[in-house]
PDB file of N, CA and C in Angstrom:
ATOM      1  N   MET A   1       6.969   1.177   8.471  1.00  0.00           N
ATOM      2  CA  MET A   1       6.356   0.980   7.166  1.00  0.00           C
ATOM      3  C   MET A   1       5.898  -0.474   7.025  1.00  0.00           C
ATOM      4  N   GLU A   2       4.668  -0.644   6.656  1.00  0.00           N
ATOM      5  CA  GLU A   2       4.095  -1.978   6.515  1.00  0.00           C
ATOM      6  C   GLU A   2       4.633  -2.655   5.258  1.00  0.00           C
ATOM      7  N   ASN A   3       5.018  -3.913   5.393  1.00  0.00           N
ATOM      8  CA  ASN A   3       5.459  -4.696   4.254  1.00  0.00           C
ATOM      9  C   ASN A   3       4.217  -5.140   3.494  1.00  0.00           C
ATOM     10  N   GLU A   4       4.047  -4.665   2.269  1.00  0.00           N
ATOM     11  CA  GLU A   4       2.821  -4.926   1.525  1.00  0.00           C
ATOM     12  C   GLU A   4       2.651  -6.383   1.118  1.00  0.00           C
ATOM     13  N   MET A   5       3.724  -7.154   1.128  1.00  0.00           N
ATOM     14  CA  MET A   5       3.638  -8.550   0.724  1.00  0.00           C
ATOM     15  C   MET A   5       3.022  -9.431   1.820  1.00  0.00           C
ATOM     16  N   PHE A   6       3.102  -8.995   3.059  1.00  0.00           N
ATOM     17  CA  PHE A   6       2.627  -9.790   4.187  1.00  0.00           C
ATOM     18  C   PHE A   6       1.646  -9.016   5.051  1.00  0.00           C
ATOM     19  N   VAL A   7       0.785  -9.773   5.737  1.00  0.00           N
ATOM     20  CA  VAL A   7      -0.148  -9.234   6.712  1.00  0.00           C
ATOM     21  C   VAL A   7       0.360  -9.652   8.081  1.00  0.00           C
ATOM     22  N   GLY A   8       0.351  -8.720   9.023  1.00  0.00           N
ATOM     23  CA  GLY A   8       0.825  -9.009  10.368  1.00  0.00           C
ATOM     24  C   GLY A   8      -0.315  -9.237  11.344  1.00  0.00           C
ATOM     25  N   VAL A   9       0.068  -9.477  12.577  1.00  0.00           N
ATOM     26  CA  VAL A   9      -0.890  -9.818  13.620  1.00  0.00           C
ATOM     27  C   VAL A   9      -1.887  -8.688  13.886  1.00  0.00           C
ATOM     28  N   GLU A  10      -1.442  -7.457  13.791  1.00  0.00           N
ATOM     29  CA  GLU A  10      -2.338  -6.314  14.045  1.00  0.00           C
ATOM     30  C   GLU A  10      -3.515  -6.321  13.062  1.00  0.00           C
ATOM     31  N   THR A  11      -3.211  -6.543  11.793  1.00  0.00           N
ATOM     32  CA  THR A  11      -4.243  -6.555  10.760  1.00  0.00           C
ATOM     33  C   THR A  11      -5.212  -7.713  10.964  1.00  0.00           C
ATOM     34  N   VAL A  12      -4.672  -8.894  11.227  1.00  0.00           N
ATOM     35  CA  VAL A  12      -5.526 -10.071  11.425  1.00  0.00           C
ATOM     36  C   VAL A  12      -6.427  -9.867  12.640  1.00  0.00           C
ATOM     37  N   ALA A  13      -5.863  -9.384  13.733  1.00  0.00           N
ATOM     38  CA  ALA A  13      -6.651  -9.147  14.946  1.00  0.00           C
ATOM     39  C   ALA A  13      -7.774  -8.143  14.683  1.00  0.00           C
ATOM     40  N   LYS A  14      -7.457  -7.076  13.963  1.00  0.00           N
ATOM     41  CA  LYS A  14      -8.451  -6.043  13.663  1.00  0.00           C
ATOM     42  C   LYS A  14      -9.534  -6.577  12.723  1.00  0.00           C
ATOM     43  N   ASP A  15      -9.128  -7.256  11.650  1.00  0.00           N
ATOM     44  CA  ASP A  15     -10.084  -7.753  10.660  1.00  0.00           C
ATOM     45  C   ASP A  15     -11.064  -8.759  11.255  1.00  0.00           C
ATOM     46  N   PHE A  16     -10.580  -9.617  12.145  1.00  0.00           N
ATOM     47  CA  PHE A  16     -11.423 -10.649  12.729  1.00  0.00           C
ATOM     48  C   PHE A  16     -12.038 -10.235  14.065  1.00  0.00           C
ATOM     49  N   GLY A  17     -11.562  -9.137  14.625  1.00  0.00           N
ATOM     50  CA  GLY A  17     -12.078  -8.700  15.918  1.00  0.00           C
ATOM     51  C   GLY A  17     -11.698  -9.652  17.030  1.00  0.00           C
ATOM     52  N   VAL A  18     -10.446 -10.147  16.996  1.00  0.00           N
ATOM     53  CA  VAL A  18      -9.967 -11.107  17.988  1.00  0.00           C
ATOM     54  C   VAL A  18      -8.710 -10.565  18.669  1.00  0.00           C
ATOM     55  N   SER A  19      -8.278 -11.265  19.709  1.00  0.00           N
ATOM     56  CA  SER A  19      -7.058 -10.866  20.416  1.00  0.00           C
ATOM     57  C   SER A  19      -5.837 -11.149  19.544  1.00  0.00           C
ATOM     58  N   LYS A  20      -4.727 -10.525  19.901  1.00  0.00           N
ATOM     59  CA  LYS A  20      -3.484 -10.762  19.174  1.00  0.00           C
ATOM     60  C   LYS A  20      -3.047 -12.220  19.310  1.00  0.00           C
ATOM     61  N   GLY A  21      -3.267 -12.795  20.484  1.00  0.00           N
ATOM     62  CA  GLY A  21      -2.909 -14.193  20.705  1.00  0.00           C
ATOM     63  C   GLY A  21      -3.639 -15.124  19.745  1.00  0.00           C
ATOM     64  N   PHE A  22      -4.942 -14.879  19.557  1.00  0.00           N
ATOM     65  CA  PHE A  22      -5.709 -15.706  18.638  1.00  0.00           C
ATOM     66  C   PHE A  22      -5.316 -15.402  17.197  1.00  0.00           C
ATOM     67  N   ALA A  23      -4.997 -14.156  16.907  1.00  0.00           N
ATOM     68  CA  ALA A  23      -4.555 -13.779  15.556  1.00  0.00           C
ATOM     69  C   ALA A  23      -3.274 -14.528  15.188  1.00  0.00           C
ATOM     70  N   TYR A  24      -2.358 -14.680  16.157  1.00  0.00           N
ATOM     71  CA  TYR A  24      -1.139 -15.451  15.900  1.00  0.00           C
ATOM     72  C   TYR A  24      -1.481 -16.907  15.571  1.00  0.00           C
ATOM     73  N   LYS A  25      -2.484 -17.458  16.231  1.00  0.00           N
ATOM     74  CA  LYS A  25      -2.894 -18.837  15.939  1.00  0.00           C
ATOM     75  C   LYS A  25      -3.446 -18.954  14.517  1.00  0.00           C
ATOM     76  N   LEU A  26      -4.216 -17.956  14.091  1.00  0.00           N
ATOM     77  CA  LEU A  26      -4.742 -17.962  12.729  1.00  0.00           C
ATOM     78  C   LEU A  26      -3.616 -17.863  11.705  1.00  0.00           C
ATOM     79  N   ILE A  27      -2.652 -16.985  11.987  1.00  0.00           N
ATOM     80  CA  ILE A  27      -1.506 -16.830  11.088  1.00  0.00           C
ATOM     81  C   ILE A  27      -0.731 -18.140  11.003  1.00  0.00           C
ATOM     82  N   LYS A  28      -0.515 -18.767  12.147  1.00  0.00           N
ATOM     83  CA  LYS A  28       0.216 -20.042  12.153  1.00  0.00           C
ATOM     84  C   LYS A  28      -0.531 -21.090  11.338  1.00  0.00           C
ATOM     85  N   GLN A  29      -1.841 -21.144  11.477  1.00  0.00           N
ATOM     86  CA  GLN A  29      -2.640 -22.102  10.715  1.00  0.00           C
ATOM     87  C   GLN A  29      -2.484 -21.861   9.212  1.00  0.00           C
ATOM     88  N   MET A  30      -2.585 -20.611   8.791  1.00  0.00           N
ATOM     89  CA  MET A  30      -2.436 -20.300   7.366  1.00  0.00           C
ATOM     90  C   MET A  30      -1.025 -20.611   6.882  1.00  0.00           C
ATOM     91  N   ASN A  31      -0.013 -20.288   7.704  1.00  0.00           N
ATOM     92  CA  ASN A  31       1.363 -20.596   7.314  1.00  0.00           C
ATOM     93  C   ASN A  31       1.598 -22.104   7.232  1.00  0.00           C
ATOM     94  N   ASP A  32       0.992 -22.872   8.119  1.00  0.00           N
ATOM     95  CA  ASP A  32       1.106 -24.330   8.052  1.00  0.00           C
ATOM     96  C   ASP A  32       0.508 -24.857   6.750  1.00  0.00           C
ATOM     97  N   GLU A  33      -0.614 -24.270   6.338  1.00  0.00           N
ATOM     98  CA  GLU A  33      -1.234 -24.660   5.071  1.00  0.00           C
ATOM     99  C   GLU A  33      -0.310 -24.337   3.897  1.00  0.00           C
ATOM    100  N   LEU A  34       0.298 -23.168   3.931  1.00  0.00           N
ATOM    101  CA  LEU A  34       1.226 -22.773   2.871  1.00  0.00           C
ATOM    102  C   LEU A  34       2.444 -23.694   2.835  1.00  0.00           C
ATOM    103  N   LYS A  35       3.004 -23.988   4.009  1.00  0.00           N
ATOM    104  CA  LYS A  35       4.170 -24.887   4.088  1.00  0.00           C
ATOM    105  C   LYS A  35       3.838 -26.253   3.515  1.00  0.00           C
ATOM    106  N   ALA A  36       2.651 -26.758   3.813  1.00  0.00           N
ATOM    107  CA  ALA A  36       2.237 -28.072   3.319  1.00  0.00           C
ATOM    108  C   ALA A  36       2.186 -28.104   1.792  1.00  0.00           C
ATOM    109  N   ASN A  37       2.016 -26.934   1.188  1.00  0.00           N
ATOM    110  CA  ASN A  37       1.987 -26.829  -0.269  1.00  0.00           C
ATOM    111  C   ASN A  37       3.329 -26.408  -0.845  1.00  0.00           C
ATOM    112  N   GLY A  38       4.359 -26.381  -0.007  1.00  0.00           N
ATOM    113  CA  GLY A  38       5.707 -26.106  -0.488  1.00  0.00           C
ATOM    114  C   GLY A  38       6.116 -24.646  -0.548  1.00  0.00           C
ATOM    115  N   TYR A  39       5.344 -23.751   0.051  1.00  0.00           N
ATOM    116  CA  TYR A  39       5.667 -22.331   0.030  1.00  0.00           C
ATOM    117  C   TYR A  39       6.526 -21.949   1.233  1.00  0.00           C
ATOM    118  N   LEU A  40       7.345 -20.931   1.061  1.00  0.00           N
ATOM    119  CA  LEU A  40       8.113 -20.374   2.166  1.00  0.00           C
ATOM    120  C   LEU A  40       7.204 -19.459   2.970  1.00  0.00           C
ATOM    121  N   THR A  41       7.423 -19.402   4.270  1.00  0.00           N
ATOM    122  CA  THR A  41       6.599 -18.557   5.132  1.00  0.00           C
ATOM    123  C   THR A  41       7.486 -17.731   6.063  1.00  0.00           C
ATOM    124  N   VAL A  42       6.903 -16.723   6.660  1.00  0.00           N
ATOM    125  CA  VAL A  42       7.572 -15.880   7.639  1.00  0.00           C
ATOM    126  C   VAL A  42       6.766 -15.956   8.933  1.00  0.00           C
ATOM    127  N   ALA A  43       7.411 -16.333  10.020  1.00  0.00           N
ATOM    128  CA  ALA A  43       6.714 -16.462  11.303  1.00  0.00           C
ATOM    129  C   ALA A  43       6.069 -15.138  11.711  1.00  0.00           C
ATOM    130  N   GLY A  44       4.831 -15.195  12.152  1.00  0.00           N
ATOM    131  CA  GLY A  44       4.126 -14.005  12.632  1.00  0.00           C
ATOM    132  C   GLY A  44       3.538 -13.150  11.534  1.00  0.00           C
ATOM    133  N   ARG A  45       3.689 -13.589  10.283  1.00  0.00           N
ATOM    134  CA  ARG A  45       3.116 -12.869   9.146  1.00  0.00           C
ATOM    135  C   ARG A  45       2.627 -13.893   8.137  1.00  0.00           C
ATOM    136  N   VAL A  46       1.666 -13.483   7.324  1.00  0.00           N
ATOM    137  CA  VAL A  46       1.152 -14.390   6.302  1.00  0.00           C
ATOM    138  C   VAL A  46       1.052 -13.625   4.983  1.00  0.00           C
ATOM    139  N   SER A  47       1.217 -14.338   3.913  1.00  0.00           N
ATOM    140  CA  SER A  47       1.114 -13.742   2.578  1.00  0.00           C
ATOM    141  C   SER A  47      -0.205 -12.993   2.448  1.00  0.00           C
ATOM    142  N   ARG A  48      -0.144 -11.744   2.022  1.00  0.00           N
ATOM    143  CA  ARG A  48      -1.353 -10.933   1.859  1.00  0.00           C
ATOM    144  C   ARG A  48      -2.302 -11.581   0.852  1.00  0.00           C
ATOM    145  N   GLN A  49      -1.766 -12.107  -0.227  1.00  0.00           N
ATOM    146  CA  GLN A  49      -2.599 -12.736  -1.248  1.00  0.00           C
ATOM    147  C   GLN A  49      -3.321 -13.956  -0.681  1.00  0.00           C
ATOM    148  N   TYR A  50      -2.601 -14.803   0.031  1.00  0.00           N
ATOM    149  CA  TYR A  50      -3.214 -16.001   0.600  1.00  0.00           C
ATOM    150  C   TYR A  50      -4.249 -15.623   1.668  1.00  0.00           C
ATOM    151  N   TYR A  51      -3.930 -14.625   2.458  1.00  0.00           N
ATOM    152  CA  TYR A  51      -4.843 -14.138   3.492  1.00  0.00           C
ATOM    153  C   TYR A  51      -6.175 -13.725   2.871  1.00  0.00           C
ATOM    154  N   ARG A  52      -6.108 -12.961   1.809  1.00  0.00           N
ATOM    155  CA  ARG A  52      -7.338 -12.518   1.142  1.00  0.00           C
ATOM    156  C   ARG A  52      -8.106 -13.693   0.553  1.00  0.00           C
ATOM    157  N   GLU A  53      -7.390 -14.643  -0.030  1.00  0.00           N
ATOM    158  CA  GLU A  53      -8.047 -15.815  -0.594  1.00  0.00           C
ATOM    159  C   GLU A  53      -8.766 -16.613   0.491  1.00  0.00           C
ATOM    160  N   ARG A  54      -8.143 -16.760   1.653  1.00  0.00           N
ATOM    161  CA  ARG A  54      -8.749 -17.530   2.748  1.00  0.00           C
ATOM    162  C   ARG A  54      -9.939 -16.788   3.349  1.00  0.00           C
ATOM    163  N   ILE A  55      -9.886 -15.472   3.392  1.00  0.00           N
ATOM    164  CA  ILE A  55     -10.997 -14.707   3.957  1.00  0.00           C
ATOM    165  C   ILE A  55     -12.185 -14.666   2.997  1.00  0.00           C
ATOM    166  N   TYR A  56     -11.912 -14.322   1.760  1.00  0.00           N
ATOM    167  CA  TYR A  56     -12.993 -14.104   0.802  1.00  0.00           C
ATOM    168  C   TYR A  56     -13.298 -15.313  -0.063  1.00  0.00           C
ATOM    169  N   GLY A  57     -12.425 -16.320  -0.039  1.00  0.00           N
ATOM    170  CA  GLY A  57     -12.682 -17.538  -0.788  1.00  0.00           C
ATOM    171  C   GLY A  57     -12.485 -17.422  -2.283  1.00  0.00           C
ATOM    172  N   LEU A  58     -11.801 -16.383  -2.727  1.00  0.00           N
ATOM    173  CA  LEU A  58     -11.557 -16.194  -4.145  1.00  0.00           C
ATOM    174  C   LEU A  58     -10.077 -16.307  -4.455  1.00  0.00           C
ATOM    175  N   THR A  59      -9.748 -16.897  -5.579  1.00  0.00           N
ATOM    176  CA  THR A  59      -8.364 -16.901  -6.033  1.00  0.00           C
ATOM    177  C   THR A  59      -8.121 -15.627  -6.825  1.00  0.00           C
ATOM    178  N   SER A  60      -6.889 -15.305  -7.085  1.00  0.00           N
ATOM    179  CA  SER A  60      -6.547 -14.110  -7.856  1.00  0.00           C
ATOM    180  C   SER A  60      -7.210 -14.139  -9.223  1.00  0.00           C
ATOM    181  N   LYS A  61      -7.237 -15.296  -9.848  1.00  0.00           N
ATOM    182  CA  LYS A  61      -7.834 -15.442 -11.169  1.00  0.00           C
ATOM    183  C   LYS A  61      -9.328 -15.125 -11.126  1.00  0.00           C
ATOM    184  N   GLU A  62     -10.016 -15.618 -10.102  1.00  0.00           N
ATOM    185  CA  GLU A  62     -11.448 -15.360  -9.968  1.00  0.00           C
ATOM    186  C   GLU A  62     -11.726 -13.884  -9.712  1.00  0.00           C
ATOM    187  N   ARG A  63     -10.857 -13.221  -8.944  1.00  0.00           N
ATOM    188  CA  ARG A  63     -11.029 -11.800  -8.673  1.00  0.00           C
ATOM    189  C   ARG A  63     -10.914 -10.988  -9.957  1.00  0.00           C
ATOM    190  N   LYS A  64      -9.990 -11.354 -10.839  1.00  0.00           N
ATOM    191  CA  LYS A  64      -9.819 -10.647 -12.117  1.00  0.00           C
ATOM    192  C   LYS A  64     -11.092 -10.748 -12.953  1.00  0.00           C
ATOM    193  N   ASN A  65     -11.707 -11.910 -12.942  1.00  0.00           N
ATOM    194  CA  ASN A  65     -12.910 -12.139 -13.751  1.00  0.00           C
ATOM    195  C   ASN A  65     -14.119 -11.389 -13.208  1.00  0.00           C
ATOM    196  N   GLU A  66     -14.105 -11.004 -11.936  1.00  0.00           N
ATOM    197  CA  GLU A  66     -15.218 -10.259 -11.340  1.00  0.00           C
ATOM    198  C   GLU A  66     -15.277  -8.836 -11.856  1.00  0.00           C
ATOM    199  N   GLY A  67     -14.115  -8.228 -12.055  1.00  0.00           N
ATOM    200  CA  GLY A  67     -14.011  -6.819 -12.390  1.00  0.00           C
ATOM    201  C   GLY A  67     -14.409  -6.513 -13.732  1.00  0.00           C
TER     202      GLY A  67
END
C-alpha cells in the first residue's frame, strides 16, 4: 500500500522518465531543500505536497485559488 503522504522512487522515475538511480538523486535534492528549511524528511521518499509544488511550481494556496 502506497503511503499517500510521500512519493517514492518509482513514482519519480515514472513521472520524469528517468532511471531509478537518477530519481533517487532528485529525491535527495528535494529532501535537502526541505531539511534546509527545517522540515523532517524520510530517505528515499519526498513529501507529496512538496513534490507537486516543485514539479508544477504552485503552492497549495495558489492551487486553491485556481479551482
